């Protein structure tokens, strides 16, 4: 198991809270976790966050495009 897989135990409940609050507040949510997981499945995680946490330039671009789409500007 990679260290990143071990993080899920701590991270998943936090993601659930963010999603719940976004729903309650009717906030726009960019589901970055799923976005990065899907992108990593296509091309490999290193492209998007070479340390598993901090986005690369490509990862920042991925987030920016998702945000623009989420707010209707993409």
N, C-alpha and C. Protein backbone atom coordinates (compact mmCIF):
# COMPACT_ATOMS: atom_id res chain seq x y z
N UNK A 1 0.85 -1.18 0.00
CA UNK A 1 0.00 0.00 0.00
C UNK A 1 0.90 1.24 0.00
N UNK A 2 0.57 2.18 -0.87
CA UNK A 2 1.34 3.42 -0.92
C UNK A 2 0.94 4.33 0.23
N UNK A 3 1.80 5.26 0.60
CA UNK A 3 1.43 6.20 1.66
C UNK A 3 0.14 6.97 1.31
N UNK A 4 -0.04 7.27 0.02
CA UNK A 4 -1.23 8.01 -0.39
C UNK A 4 -2.51 7.21 -0.10
N UNK A 5 -2.46 5.88 -0.26
CA UNK A 5 -3.63 5.07 0.05
C UNK A 5 -3.95 5.12 1.55
N UNK A 6 -2.94 5.17 2.38
CA UNK A 6 -3.15 5.23 3.83
C UNK A 6 -3.80 6.56 4.24
N UNK A 7 -3.61 7.61 3.45
CA UNK A 7 -4.19 8.90 3.78
C UNK A 7 -5.71 8.87 3.72
N UNK A 8 -6.28 7.94 2.95
CA UNK A 8 -7.72 7.92 2.73
C UNK A 8 -8.51 7.81 4.03
N UNK A 9 -7.99 7.11 5.00
CA UNK A 9 -8.68 6.95 6.28
C UNK A 9 -8.96 8.30 6.93
N UNK A 10 -8.01 9.20 6.82
CA UNK A 10 -8.16 10.54 7.37
C UNK A 10 -8.89 11.47 6.40
N UNK A 11 -8.60 11.32 5.13
CA UNK A 11 -9.10 12.25 4.12
C UNK A 11 -10.57 12.06 3.78
N UNK A 12 -11.03 10.83 3.65
CA UNK A 12 -12.40 10.57 3.21
C UNK A 12 -13.46 11.24 4.10
N UNK A 13 -13.35 11.17 5.43
CA UNK A 13 -14.35 11.88 6.25
C UNK A 13 -14.32 13.39 6.04
N UNK A 14 -13.16 13.94 5.79
CA UNK A 14 -13.06 15.38 5.55
C UNK A 14 -13.73 15.76 4.24
N UNK A 15 -13.52 14.94 3.22
CA UNK A 15 -14.17 15.17 1.94
C UNK A 15 -15.68 15.12 2.10
N UNK A 16 -16.16 14.16 2.87
CA UNK A 16 -17.60 14.04 3.10
C UNK A 16 -18.17 15.29 3.77
N UNK A 17 -17.43 15.86 4.72
CA UNK A 17 -17.89 17.08 5.39
C UNK A 17 -17.94 18.25 4.40
N UNK A 18 -16.93 18.39 3.59
CA UNK A 18 -16.90 19.48 2.61
C UNK A 18 -18.08 19.34 1.64
N UNK A 19 -18.33 18.12 1.17
CA UNK A 19 -19.46 17.90 0.26
C UNK A 19 -20.79 18.21 0.93
N UNK A 20 -20.94 17.80 2.19
CA UNK A 20 -22.19 18.06 2.91
C UNK A 20 -22.41 19.55 3.08
N UNK A 21 -21.36 20.28 3.48
CA UNK A 21 -21.50 21.72 3.69
C UNK A 21 -21.79 22.42 2.36
N UNK A 22 -21.13 22.01 1.30
CA UNK A 22 -21.39 22.61 -0.01
C UNK A 22 -22.85 22.40 -0.40
N UNK A 23 -23.37 21.22 -0.15
CA UNK A 23 -24.77 20.94 -0.46
C UNK A 23 -25.69 21.80 0.39
N UNK A 24 -25.42 21.85 1.70
CA UNK A 24 -26.26 22.65 2.61
C UNK A 24 -26.26 24.12 2.23
N UNK A 25 -25.13 24.62 1.82
CA UNK A 25 -24.98 26.05 1.50
C UNK A 25 -25.25 26.35 0.03
N UNK A 26 -25.54 25.30 -0.73
CA UNK A 26 -25.76 25.44 -2.18
C UNK A 26 -24.57 26.11 -2.86
N UNK A 27 -23.40 25.71 -2.41
CA UNK A 27 -22.15 26.26 -2.94
C UNK A 27 -21.69 25.45 -4.15
N UNK A 28 -20.99 26.12 -5.02
CA UNK A 28 -20.36 25.42 -6.13
C UNK A 28 -19.20 24.62 -5.57
N UNK A 29 -19.15 23.37 -5.93
CA UNK A 29 -18.08 22.50 -5.45
C UNK A 29 -17.32 21.93 -6.63
N UNK A 30 -16.04 22.09 -6.62
CA UNK A 30 -15.18 21.42 -7.59
C UNK A 30 -14.65 20.18 -6.88
N UNK A 31 -15.11 19.01 -7.27
CA UNK A 31 -14.71 17.78 -6.58
C UNK A 31 -13.29 17.37 -6.97
N UNK A 32 -12.33 18.06 -6.40
CA UNK A 32 -10.92 17.89 -6.79
C UNK A 32 -10.43 16.46 -6.58
N UNK A 33 -10.89 15.81 -5.53
CA UNK A 33 -10.43 14.46 -5.27
C UNK A 33 -10.78 13.53 -6.43
N UNK A 34 -12.03 13.55 -6.84
CA UNK A 34 -12.45 12.71 -7.96
C UNK A 34 -11.84 13.15 -9.27
N UNK A 35 -11.69 14.45 -9.42
CA UNK A 35 -11.08 15.01 -10.63
C UNK A 35 -9.66 14.48 -10.80
N UNK A 36 -8.87 14.56 -9.73
CA UNK A 36 -7.50 14.08 -9.79
C UNK A 36 -7.44 12.56 -9.93
N UNK A 37 -8.34 11.84 -9.27
CA UNK A 37 -8.34 10.37 -9.38
C UNK A 37 -8.63 9.95 -10.81
N UNK A 38 -9.60 10.59 -11.45
CA UNK A 38 -9.93 10.24 -12.83
C UNK A 38 -8.77 10.58 -13.77
N UNK A 39 -8.17 11.75 -13.57
CA UNK A 39 -7.04 12.15 -14.42
C UNK A 39 -5.86 11.20 -14.22
N UNK A 40 -5.60 10.83 -12.97
CA UNK A 40 -4.48 9.92 -12.68
C UNK A 40 -4.72 8.55 -13.29
N UNK A 41 -5.96 8.11 -13.33
CA UNK A 41 -6.27 6.81 -13.93
C UNK A 41 -5.98 6.82 -15.43
N UNK A 42 -6.12 7.97 -16.04
CA UNK A 42 -5.87 8.08 -17.48
C UNK A 42 -4.38 8.20 -17.81
N UNK A 43 -3.65 8.99 -17.02
CA UNK A 43 -2.27 9.31 -17.42
C UNK A 43 -1.21 9.03 -16.37
N UNK A 44 -1.62 8.70 -15.16
CA UNK A 44 -0.68 8.52 -14.07
C UNK A 44 -0.70 9.72 -13.14
N UNK A 45 -0.57 9.48 -11.86
CA UNK A 45 -0.69 10.53 -10.85
C UNK A 45 0.42 11.57 -10.92
N UNK A 46 1.60 11.16 -11.33
CA UNK A 46 2.76 12.07 -11.33
C UNK A 46 2.52 13.28 -12.22
N UNK A 47 1.74 13.11 -13.26
CA UNK A 47 1.43 14.23 -14.16
C UNK A 47 0.72 15.35 -13.42
N UNK A 48 -0.12 14.99 -12.47
CA UNK A 48 -1.01 15.95 -11.83
C UNK A 48 -0.53 16.41 -10.46
N UNK A 49 0.12 15.52 -9.72
CA UNK A 49 0.65 15.85 -8.38
C UNK A 49 1.79 14.89 -8.11
N UNK A 50 2.99 15.31 -8.44
CA UNK A 50 4.11 14.36 -8.41
C UNK A 50 4.46 13.85 -7.01
N UNK A 51 4.03 14.56 -5.97
CA UNK A 51 4.25 14.05 -4.61
C UNK A 51 2.97 13.47 -4.02
N UNK A 52 1.92 13.43 -4.81
CA UNK A 52 0.65 12.90 -4.35
C UNK A 52 -0.22 13.90 -3.63
N UNK A 53 0.29 15.12 -3.43
CA UNK A 53 -0.46 16.13 -2.68
C UNK A 53 -0.53 17.45 -3.44
N UNK A 54 0.62 17.99 -3.76
CA UNK A 54 0.70 19.33 -4.33
C UNK A 54 0.61 19.27 -5.86
N UNK A 55 -0.35 19.99 -6.44
CA UNK A 55 -0.51 19.92 -7.90
C UNK A 55 0.72 20.44 -8.64
N UNK A 56 1.00 19.78 -9.74
CA UNK A 56 2.00 20.27 -10.69
C UNK A 56 1.35 21.40 -11.48
N UNK A 57 2.08 21.98 -12.41
CA UNK A 57 1.48 23.01 -13.29
C UNK A 57 0.28 22.42 -14.03
N UNK A 58 0.41 21.20 -14.50
CA UNK A 58 -0.71 20.53 -15.18
C UNK A 58 -1.89 20.33 -14.22
N UNK A 59 -1.59 19.99 -12.98
CA UNK A 59 -2.64 19.81 -11.98
C UNK A 59 -3.37 21.11 -11.68
N UNK A 60 -2.62 22.20 -11.60
CA UNK A 60 -3.26 23.51 -11.39
C UNK A 60 -4.14 23.85 -12.58
N UNK A 61 -3.67 23.53 -13.78
CA UNK A 61 -4.48 23.76 -14.97
C UNK A 61 -5.76 22.94 -14.95
N UNK A 62 -5.66 21.70 -14.52
CA UNK A 62 -6.83 20.83 -14.40
C UNK A 62 -7.84 21.43 -13.42
N UNK A 63 -7.37 21.88 -12.28
CA UNK A 63 -8.25 22.53 -11.30
C UNK A 63 -8.88 23.81 -11.86
N UNK A 64 -8.08 24.60 -12.53
CA UNK A 64 -8.58 25.86 -13.08
C UNK A 64 -9.68 25.60 -14.11
N UNK A 65 -9.46 24.63 -14.99
CA UNK A 65 -10.48 24.31 -15.99
C UNK A 65 -11.76 23.81 -15.33
N UNK A 66 -11.62 22.98 -14.31
CA UNK A 66 -12.79 22.45 -13.60
C UNK A 66 -13.54 23.59 -12.90
N UNK A 67 -12.80 24.52 -12.31
CA UNK A 67 -13.45 25.65 -11.64
C UNK A 67 -14.18 26.52 -12.64
N UNK A 68 -13.54 26.82 -13.76
CA UNK A 68 -14.21 27.62 -14.78
C UNK A 68 -15.49 26.94 -15.27
N UNK A 69 -15.44 25.64 -15.48
CA UNK A 69 -16.63 24.90 -15.87
C UNK A 69 -17.70 24.96 -14.78
N UNK A 70 -17.29 24.80 -13.54
CA UNK A 70 -18.23 24.77 -12.42
C UNK A 70 -18.97 26.11 -12.25
N UNK A 71 -18.32 27.20 -12.58
CA UNK A 71 -18.96 28.51 -12.41
C UNK A 71 -19.52 29.04 -13.73
N UNK A 72 -19.50 28.18 -14.75
CA UNK A 72 -20.12 28.53 -16.02
C UNK A 72 -19.30 29.43 -16.92
N UNK A 73 -18.00 29.43 -16.71
CA UNK A 73 -17.12 30.27 -17.55
C UNK A 73 -16.24 29.46 -18.48
N UNK A 74 -16.37 28.15 -18.41
CA UNK A 74 -15.50 27.28 -19.20
C UNK A 74 -16.03 26.95 -20.56
